[in-house]
Amino acid sequence: MTQTLSDRVVGVLGTGEAVGKAQAARAVVADWRSGIIPEIGRAMPRDRPKRPMKPDLLLPRDMPRRGKAQTLAGRIALLHAIAHIELNAIDLAADILVRFPDADAPLEFYNDWLGVLDDEAKHFFLMSDRLTALGTAYGDLPAHDGLWQAAQDTADDLLARLAVVPLVLEARGLDVTPQMISSLDEVGDPDSVAALEVIYKDEIGHVAVGRKWFEYFCDDVPEHTWRRLVKQYFHGAVKPPFNDAARAEAGFGAAYYSELT
C-alpha cells in the first residue's frame, strides 16, 4: 500500500537517529514534490518524537554554561546547541503537518510547512557538517529537553501553535543570530558564518510562513489574538532586543509584540 504524506511525516517523527531523521524529512519533501506521495491522508501523531541515544537531555537549569565563541570549546558548544535546535525544529515542522487534520487547511498550507521541514533538515546537516569539521559530532555534548514543550502545550490549538512556535521561538532566532554570526566572524570561522547566514535567511521565511497562516486562521484582530495566546501558552518572556528589520521583512511588525515589552 502506498503511504500518504501523513504516514511518511509520522515516520519522520518516529525516526530516532539524528541523521536518519533529517534524511527522512528531506526524502518526504522530495517525494511529495515529485508526485510519488499521492495524497495528504491522516495519521495518528506521536505524543513525543523519537530521539537519538545521544545527546544526554537535561533540564534547562542543569545545562552547563556555554563558553564564548572565541574558544574552540565555546564555538563547538554554540554550533552543537544550534544543531539541537534544528533537530527539534524538524519535529516541530513535521508535527504541525499531522497534528491538526480537522483544521481544513488548504494544500498551500502543507506545501509551505513541507518547505519549512526541508529547510530545518538542511540546517541540521549544515551544523552537523561544521561539528564534524571541528572534530566532534552532534550528541557529544548535553542538550536541554525544553523545546518540545511548546508542541505539547499547543497540541490542541493550531492557532496557539502558530502563535508560539514560528512567531515566538523562530522570531527569537532572528533576534540572536546576527550576534552569533558576528562572533564567529571575529574568530575567523567563515564556514560557520556562511552556514548561519543560510539559516538566518531561511528563518525569516519561516516566520513569514507562520505569520501568513496565523492571520489566515485568525478570525479576530491578529495582533490582539497573538498577544493573548502568547500570554496563555508561552512559558517565558517576549522581550527585547528585537531585530525589528528582520521581523518586518517577515511581515511580523512591531504592532504584534511592542505591547508585550
Protein backbone atom coordinates (compact mmCIF):
# COMPACT_ATOMS: atom_id res chain seq x y z
CA MET A 1 0.00 0.00 0.00
CA THR A 2 1.30 3.46 -0.92
CA GLN A 3 1.86 5.65 2.12
CA THR A 4 0.21 9.04 2.41
CA LEU A 5 2.00 12.25 3.27
CA SER A 6 0.76 11.97 6.85
CA ASP A 7 2.09 8.40 7.13
CA ARG A 8 5.50 9.49 5.92
CA VAL A 9 5.63 12.51 8.20
CA VAL A 10 4.77 10.37 11.23
CA GLY A 11 7.65 8.19 10.09
CA VAL A 12 9.96 11.20 10.41
CA LEU A 13 8.72 11.76 13.96
CA GLY A 14 9.31 8.09 14.69
CA THR A 15 12.91 8.11 13.49
CA GLY A 16 15.28 8.35 16.44
CA GLU A 17 18.74 8.62 14.90
CA ALA A 18 19.50 12.25 14.12
CA VAL A 19 20.96 11.99 10.63
CA GLY A 20 18.31 9.44 9.70
CA LYS A 21 15.56 11.82 10.87
CA ALA A 22 16.94 14.65 8.75
CA GLN A 23 17.35 12.35 5.74
CA ALA A 24 13.80 11.05 6.15
CA ALA A 25 12.46 14.61 6.31
CA ARG A 26 14.16 15.62 3.08
CA ALA A 27 13.03 12.41 1.38
CA VAL A 28 9.39 13.10 2.28
CA VAL A 29 9.57 16.57 0.79
CA ALA A 30 11.27 15.35 -2.38
CA ASP A 31 8.75 12.54 -2.85
CA TRP A 32 5.80 14.88 -2.29
CA ARG A 33 7.11 17.41 -4.77
CA SER A 34 7.79 14.72 -7.39
CA GLY A 35 4.29 13.26 -7.03
CA ILE A 36 5.39 9.92 -5.56
CA ILE A 37 3.22 10.54 -2.49
CA PRO A 38 -0.39 10.55 -3.75
CA GLU A 39 -2.36 12.33 -1.02
CA ILE A 40 -2.20 14.06 2.34
CA GLY A 41 -4.24 11.50 4.27
CA ARG A 42 -4.48 11.20 8.04
CA ALA A 43 -2.23 9.52 10.56
CA MET A 44 -2.04 9.48 14.35
CA PRO A 45 0.63 11.92 15.55
CA ARG A 46 3.11 10.85 18.21
CA ASP A 47 2.93 12.21 21.76
CA ARG A 48 6.70 12.66 21.60
CA PRO A 49 9.10 12.22 18.70
CA LYS A 50 11.79 9.60 18.92
CA ARG A 51 15.16 10.93 19.96
CA PRO A 52 18.71 9.65 19.40
CA MET A 53 20.56 7.92 22.24
CA LYS A 54 22.81 10.96 22.48
CA PRO A 55 22.90 13.78 23.47
CA ASP A 56 22.01 13.44 27.13
CA LEU A 57 18.92 15.60 27.68
CA LEU A 58 18.98 17.81 30.75
CA LEU A 59 16.63 20.31 32.29
CA PRO A 60 17.44 23.81 31.02
CA ARG A 61 18.57 24.85 34.52
CA ASP A 62 21.05 21.94 34.61
CA MET A 63 22.79 22.80 31.36
CA PRO A 64 26.47 23.78 31.69
CA ARG A 65 27.26 27.37 30.86
CA ARG A 66 28.41 27.77 27.28
CA GLY A 67 31.80 29.38 26.81
CA LYS A 68 32.44 32.27 24.45
CA ALA A 69 32.87 31.62 20.75
CA GLN A 70 36.43 32.95 20.96
CA THR A 71 37.50 29.50 22.21
CA LEU A 72 37.20 26.28 20.21
CA ALA A 73 35.19 24.68 23.01
CA GLY A 74 32.82 27.63 23.07
CA ARG A 75 32.40 27.55 19.31
CA ILE A 76 31.65 23.82 19.37
CA ALA A 77 29.12 24.33 22.17
CA LEU A 78 27.38 27.07 20.17
CA LEU A 79 27.16 25.01 16.99
CA HIS A 80 26.03 21.93 18.94
CA ALA A 81 23.24 23.96 20.55
CA ILE A 82 22.10 25.19 17.13
CA ALA A 83 22.20 21.64 15.74
CA HIS A 84 19.96 20.55 18.62
CA ILE A 85 17.52 23.37 17.91
CA GLU A 86 17.40 22.40 14.23
CA LEU A 87 16.77 18.73 15.03
CA ASN A 88 13.86 19.75 17.25
CA ALA A 89 12.67 22.10 14.51
CA ILE A 90 12.39 19.12 12.15
CA ASP A 91 9.98 17.51 14.60
CA LEU A 92 8.03 20.72 15.15
CA ALA A 93 7.56 21.22 11.40
CA ALA A 94 6.59 17.56 10.98
CA ASP A 95 4.12 17.69 13.84
CA ILE A 96 2.18 20.67 12.51
CA LEU A 97 1.64 18.75 9.26
CA VAL A 98 -0.20 15.89 11.01
CA ARG A 99 -1.46 17.32 14.32
CA PHE A 100 -4.45 19.31 13.05
CA PRO A 101 -6.26 17.39 10.28
CA ASP A 102 -9.63 18.96 11.18
CA ALA A 103 -8.39 22.50 10.57
CA ASP A 104 -9.48 22.24 6.92
CA ALA A 105 -6.17 23.71 5.81
CA PRO A 106 -5.67 24.23 2.07
CA LEU A 107 -2.99 22.45 0.06
CA GLU A 108 -0.82 25.57 0.21
CA PHE A 109 -0.54 25.14 3.99
CA TYR A 110 1.02 21.71 3.54
CA ASN A 111 3.33 22.91 0.79
CA ASP A 112 4.54 25.79 2.95
CA TRP A 113 5.24 23.66 6.01
CA LEU A 114 6.94 20.99 3.93
CA GLY A 115 9.24 23.75 2.75
CA VAL A 116 9.97 24.61 6.36
CA LEU A 117 10.56 20.92 7.14
CA ASP A 118 13.05 20.67 4.29
CA ASP A 119 14.87 23.79 5.48
CA GLU A 120 15.16 22.53 9.06
CA ALA A 121 16.69 19.28 7.87
CA LYS A 122 19.10 21.23 5.69
CA HIS A 123 20.03 23.38 8.68
CA PHE A 124 20.74 20.32 10.82
CA PHE A 125 23.10 18.99 8.15
CA LEU A 126 24.85 22.37 7.94
CA MET A 127 25.53 22.31 11.69
CA SER A 128 26.42 18.62 11.71
CA ASP A 129 28.97 19.19 8.97
CA ARG A 130 30.54 22.06 10.88
CA LEU A 131 30.79 19.96 14.04
CA THR A 132 32.46 17.19 12.06
CA ALA A 133 34.95 19.66 10.61
CA LEU A 134 35.81 20.77 14.15
CA GLY A 135 36.46 17.19 15.24
CA THR A 136 33.25 16.46 17.09
CA ALA A 137 29.65 15.43 16.38
CA TYR A 138 26.09 16.10 17.38
CA GLY A 139 25.45 14.18 20.59
CA ASP A 140 28.89 14.72 22.10
CA LEU A 141 27.56 17.45 24.40
CA PRO A 142 24.42 17.53 26.55
CA ALA A 143 21.33 19.41 25.40
CA HIS A 144 18.14 20.52 27.07
CA ASP A 145 14.73 18.93 26.63
CA GLY A 146 12.59 22.05 26.76
CA LEU A 147 12.00 22.66 23.06
CA TRP A 148 9.25 20.08 22.62
CA GLN A 149 7.29 21.71 25.44
CA ALA A 150 5.84 24.25 23.02
CA ALA A 151 4.38 21.43 20.91
CA GLN A 152 2.88 19.71 23.94
CA ASP A 153 1.37 22.95 25.25
CA THR A 154 -0.30 23.75 21.92
CA ALA A 155 -1.25 20.23 20.83
CA ASP A 156 -4.98 21.04 20.80
CA ASP A 157 -4.89 24.50 19.23
CA LEU A 158 -3.45 25.23 15.79
CA LEU A 159 -3.67 28.99 16.25
CA ALA A 160 -1.75 28.74 19.52
CA ARG A 161 0.86 26.55 17.82
CA LEU A 162 1.33 29.17 15.12
CA ALA A 163 1.49 31.95 17.69
CA VAL A 164 4.21 30.26 19.75
CA VAL A 165 6.48 28.20 17.51
CA PRO A 166 7.14 30.40 14.46
CA LEU A 167 6.13 33.74 15.97
CA VAL A 168 7.92 33.46 19.31
CA LEU A 169 10.59 30.77 19.07
CA GLU A 170 11.68 31.25 15.47
CA ALA A 171 11.25 35.02 15.67
CA ARG A 172 13.65 34.98 18.63
CA GLY A 173 16.17 33.31 16.37
CA LEU A 174 16.03 36.38 14.14
CA ASP A 175 16.96 38.49 17.15
CA VAL A 176 20.00 36.48 18.28
CA THR A 177 21.51 35.02 15.10
CA PRO A 178 23.20 38.22 13.84
CA GLN A 179 25.28 38.39 17.03
CA MET A 180 26.25 34.74 16.63
CA ILE A 181 27.36 35.45 13.07
CA SER A 182 29.38 38.43 14.24
CA SER A 183 31.09 36.40 16.97
CA LEU A 184 32.04 33.63 14.56
CA ASP A 185 33.28 36.17 12.03
CA GLU A 186 35.51 37.76 14.67
CA VAL A 187 37.26 34.43 15.39
CA GLY A 188 37.83 33.69 11.70
CA ASP A 189 35.35 30.88 11.08
CA PRO A 190 33.96 31.75 7.63
CA ASP A 191 32.40 28.33 7.07
CA SER A 192 30.27 28.58 10.22
CA VAL A 193 29.40 32.17 9.30
CA ALA A 194 28.22 31.04 5.85
CA ALA A 195 26.12 28.26 7.38
CA LEU A 196 24.45 30.61 9.85
CA GLU A 197 23.76 33.15 7.13
CA VAL A 198 21.82 30.47 5.23
CA ILE A 199 19.88 29.60 8.38
CA TYR A 200 19.16 33.26 9.16
CA LYS A 201 17.77 33.95 5.68
CA ASP A 202 15.59 30.83 5.79
CA GLU A 203 14.28 31.64 9.26
CA ILE A 204 12.95 34.97 8.02
CA GLY A 205 10.90 32.92 5.58
CA HIS A 206 9.72 30.59 8.35
CA VAL A 207 8.46 33.49 10.43
CA ALA A 208 6.70 34.78 7.32
CA VAL A 209 5.03 31.38 6.85
CA GLY A 210 3.93 31.36 10.47
CA ARG A 211 2.54 34.89 10.26
CA LYS A 212 0.75 34.10 6.98
CA TRP A 213 -1.10 31.10 8.39
CA PHE A 214 -1.72 32.69 11.75
CA GLU A 215 -3.55 35.51 10.01
CA TYR A 216 -5.35 33.04 7.71
CA PHE A 217 -6.83 31.07 10.60
CA CYS A 218 -7.36 34.03 12.95
CA ASP A 219 -10.92 35.37 12.98
CA ASP A 220 -10.15 38.41 15.12
CA VAL A 221 -7.56 41.20 15.16
CA PRO A 222 -4.34 39.18 14.65
CA GLU A 223 -2.10 41.32 16.84
CA HIS A 224 -4.51 41.19 19.80
CA THR A 225 -5.11 37.47 19.38
CA TRP A 226 -1.38 36.75 19.18
CA ARG A 227 -0.67 38.60 22.42
CA ARG A 228 -3.49 36.77 24.18
CA LEU A 229 -2.29 33.37 23.01
CA VAL A 230 1.33 34.08 23.89
CA LYS A 231 0.35 35.08 27.41
CA GLN A 232 -1.71 31.90 27.71
CA TYR A 233 0.60 29.34 26.11
CA PHE A 234 4.19 30.60 26.20
CA HIS A 235 6.03 29.95 29.45
CA GLY A 236 8.58 32.69 29.13
CA ALA A 237 9.06 36.34 28.35
CA VAL A 238 8.96 38.01 24.95
CA LYS A 239 11.46 40.78 25.50
CA PRO A 240 13.94 42.96 23.60
CA PRO A 241 16.28 43.40 21.93
CA PHE A 242 14.24 42.70 18.81
CA ASN A 243 15.56 42.55 15.27
CA ASP A 244 12.81 44.81 14.02
CA ALA A 245 14.12 44.89 10.45
CA ALA A 246 14.17 41.08 10.02
CA ARG A 247 10.82 40.71 11.75
CA ALA A 248 9.33 43.36 9.47
CA GLU A 249 10.78 41.58 6.43
CA ALA A 250 8.76 38.55 7.54
CA GLY A 251 5.63 40.71 7.84
CA PHE A 252 5.74 40.38 11.61
CA GLY A 253 5.89 44.02 12.59
CA ALA A 254 6.20 45.69 15.98
CA ALA A 255 2.41 46.12 16.20
CA TYR A 256 2.36 42.47 17.27
CA TYR A 257 4.94 42.46 20.04
CA SER A 258 5.67 46.02 21.19
CA GLU A 259 2.95 45.98 23.85
CA LEU A 260 4.41 42.86 25.48
CA THR A 261 7.62 44.65 26.48
